[in-house]
Amino acid sequence: MLGYIAENLASGMVRTVQWHELDALVAAGAGLVDVRTAEEYAAGHIPGAVSIPLDELADRLAELPDDGQIVAYCRGAYCVLAHDAVRLLRAHGRDATRLADGMVEWRLADLPVAA
């Protein structure tokens, strides 16, 4: 597993987690960050997520765990905000991954939404 992670880090690939894995990760201490705009977050977000829009992420790193995994998500599976967030977090030495889907798919799956 460590070889796989190192390979992905070196190649620049962004790892993903599925929505059904998220509860276990958060229960184990992973941080969950919504990198959409503050307005999108206010309209509905995954319970337990903190709002740090991508354009503020570099300045707000101290608000996220520095010793555990961080899962980033955005609008949908094809939204690049979470990809960019993971790259930024990893460039700052954080263990970051992204949710494979985003809020669109989360809502379509009828999963809980906080507002």
Protein backbone atom coordinates (compact mmCIF):
# COMPACT_ATOMS: atom_id res chain seq x y z
CA MET A 1 0.00 0.00 0.00
CA LEU A 2 2.77 2.47 0.86
CA GLY A 3 4.37 1.84 -2.52
CA TYR A 4 1.08 2.64 -4.22
CA ILE A 5 0.70 5.86 -2.25
CA ALA A 6 4.28 6.91 -2.95
CA GLU A 7 3.80 6.16 -6.65
CA ASN A 8 0.65 8.28 -6.75
CA LEU A 9 2.33 11.13 -4.89
CA ALA A 10 5.27 11.08 -7.27
CA SER A 11 3.11 10.91 -10.38
CA GLY A 12 0.78 13.70 -9.25
CA MET A 13 -2.29 11.45 -9.37
CA VAL A 14 -5.09 12.50 -7.06
CA ARG A 15 -6.42 9.63 -4.95
CA THR A 16 -10.16 9.33 -4.43
CA VAL A 17 -12.50 7.88 -1.84
CA GLN A 18 -16.09 6.84 -2.42
CA TRP A 19 -19.00 8.33 -0.46
CA HIS A 20 -19.62 5.01 1.34
CA GLU A 21 -16.04 5.16 2.74
CA LEU A 22 -16.42 8.67 4.10
CA ASP A 23 -18.09 7.88 7.45
CA ALA A 24 -15.29 5.51 8.45
CA LEU A 25 -12.60 8.01 7.45
CA VAL A 26 -14.21 10.86 9.37
CA ALA A 27 -14.77 8.58 12.39
CA ALA A 28 -11.05 7.76 12.25
CA GLY A 29 -10.22 11.46 12.42
CA ALA A 30 -10.03 12.57 8.80
CA GLY A 31 -10.90 16.18 8.12
CA LEU A 32 -13.58 16.94 5.53
CA VAL A 33 -13.30 20.19 3.57
CA ASP A 34 -15.79 21.68 1.14
CA VAL A 35 -13.81 23.80 -1.34
CA ARG A 36 -16.82 25.30 -3.12
CA THR A 37 -17.81 28.92 -2.57
CA ALA A 38 -19.19 29.99 0.80
CA GLU A 39 -22.60 30.52 -0.83
CA GLU A 40 -22.67 26.97 -2.20
CA TYR A 41 -21.65 25.61 1.20
CA ALA A 42 -24.44 27.59 2.90
CA ALA A 43 -26.98 26.18 0.44
CA GLY A 44 -26.11 22.64 1.53
CA HIS A 45 -23.04 20.61 2.42
CA ILE A 46 -21.99 17.20 3.71
CA PRO A 47 -22.52 17.09 7.49
CA GLY A 48 -19.26 17.65 9.36
CA ALA A 49 -17.53 19.45 6.49
CA VAL A 50 -15.78 22.76 7.00
CA SER A 51 -16.03 25.44 4.36
CA ILE A 52 -12.74 26.64 2.97
CA PRO A 53 -13.18 27.88 -0.60
CA LEU A 54 -10.29 26.90 -2.84
CA ASP A 55 -9.10 30.48 -3.27
CA GLU A 56 -8.71 30.74 0.55
CA LEU A 57 -7.20 27.31 1.18
CA ALA A 58 -3.52 28.26 1.13
CA ASP A 59 -4.14 30.98 3.74
CA ARG A 60 -6.31 28.76 5.98
CA LEU A 61 -4.26 25.55 6.20
CA ALA A 62 -3.99 25.92 9.98
CA GLU A 63 -7.73 25.20 10.24
CA LEU A 64 -7.21 21.66 8.97
CA PRO A 65 -5.57 18.70 10.72
CA ASP A 66 -1.85 18.56 9.99
CA ASP A 67 -1.31 14.97 11.07
CA GLY A 68 -4.25 13.11 9.55
CA GLN A 69 -6.01 12.60 6.29
CA ILE A 70 -8.02 15.38 4.68
CA VAL A 71 -10.81 14.67 2.20
CA ALA A 72 -11.77 17.50 -0.15
CA TYR A 73 -14.92 17.73 -2.24
CA CYS A 74 -16.61 20.21 -4.54
CA ARG A 75 -19.56 20.37 -6.93
CA GLY A 76 -19.39 17.07 -8.76
CA ALA A 77 -17.27 14.29 -10.16
CA TYR A 78 -15.92 16.51 -12.93
CA CYS A 79 -15.34 19.63 -10.85
CA VAL A 80 -11.63 20.47 -10.67
CA LEU A 81 -11.74 22.39 -7.38
CA ALA A 82 -11.21 19.26 -5.25
CA HIS A 83 -8.37 18.09 -7.53
CA ASP A 84 -6.65 21.45 -7.12
CA ALA A 85 -7.24 21.43 -3.37
CA VAL A 86 -5.65 18.00 -2.99
CA ARG A 87 -2.62 19.07 -5.00
CA LEU A 88 -2.24 22.20 -2.87
CA LEU A 89 -2.64 20.27 0.38
CA ARG A 90 -0.12 17.65 -0.69
CA ALA A 91 2.33 20.35 -1.75
CA HIS A 92 2.11 21.55 1.88
CA GLY A 93 2.83 18.07 3.23
CA ARG A 94 -0.74 17.07 4.04
CA ASP A 95 -2.21 13.61 3.46
CA ALA A 96 -5.05 14.62 1.16
CA THR A 97 -7.50 12.82 -1.05
CA ARG A 98 -10.72 13.80 -2.75
CA LEU A 99 -14.23 12.50 -2.67
CA ALA A 100 -14.81 10.76 -6.01
CA ASP A 101 -18.17 12.47 -6.36
CA GLY A 102 -19.38 15.88 -5.26
CA MET A 103 -22.51 17.52 -3.91
CA VAL A 104 -24.52 16.81 -7.05
CA GLU A 105 -24.03 13.05 -6.71
CA TRP A 106 -24.35 13.25 -2.91
CA ARG A 107 -27.79 14.82 -3.23
CA LEU A 108 -28.84 12.42 -6.01
CA ALA A 109 -27.96 9.51 -3.69
CA ASP A 110 -30.32 11.09 -1.12
CA LEU A 111 -27.54 11.30 1.49
CA PRO A 112 -27.82 13.70 4.45
CA VAL A 113 -27.25 17.38 3.70
CA ALA A 114 -26.62 20.08 6.29
CA ALA A 115 -27.46 23.72 5.66
